């Protein structure tokens, strides 16, 4: 006969203490406590490694709101006051949760829909979600979810935020694709121009600019984009350098030497000189 002795102490049961403490206090049966522990552990083991990286107590994140969701599959978490943030994430605290998606409502009436389809064990969070427009005031977060254990206590969901750019691990990505600690979209372009002849290869924020007199010099630029086009600003041999791309007109862009039609038009400002050309995605 095996005797199972439980010590009702949160210190001795750091991972699943809530279930066992409820058992010890007479508010839960032994079978139910063991079932909840086994189910939570199974959820954790079943997740891919990448899904288990984001713990709720990681440095750089702070709680800005929390709520005990009602189990109705949809809930709204209202945020008090002004909360200017650059990124947020949601964390399941006391029970596992299947988070289907959430809708971020901004103070100015705008919104940002996020699809996650994430299974969150207790104490884990979604990926970081960068807010469009950078520093934003969040009014509320509306979520669609499904408790993994219908009979368990109602899950507590925390909204965490940061004002820091999302860090990129050293060596994990080409430095040309990182700006101010944030990973840029994967982008490769080739640009050409005539009168005078020049060419440029663009990768992330790195521009390699070449002329017949210069085989090519890499320029570390500042990348910016909007609905009109993109720009790369830097310095070349002591002169200001700026390359801008815009969508070409209905007939496309011609390099003036061939019948090839490019989808983008390019303007290069080098010091006080303006050069024009065309570009295409590699």
Foldseek 3Di string as FASTA:
>chain_A
DDDDDDDLDCVVVVPLNVLVVCVVVVNDPPVVSVVQVVVLVVLVVPDPPVQFPAFPPDPQKDFQWKDQDDQPQKDKTFGPDWDWFFKKKKAWANAKKQWQWKKWAFPVGDIDTGGFRGTHRHRGIGDIDTDPPGTTTTGMMMTGIHGPDSPDGGIMMTMMGGNQAAADDPPPDDPLQDDNRHGHPFFWKKKWAPPPTKIWIDTRQWIWIDGPVGRTDIFRFDWDADPFWIKTWGADPRWTKMKTKGADPPQAFDRVPDPDGAGIKMWMCTHNDITITGMHTD
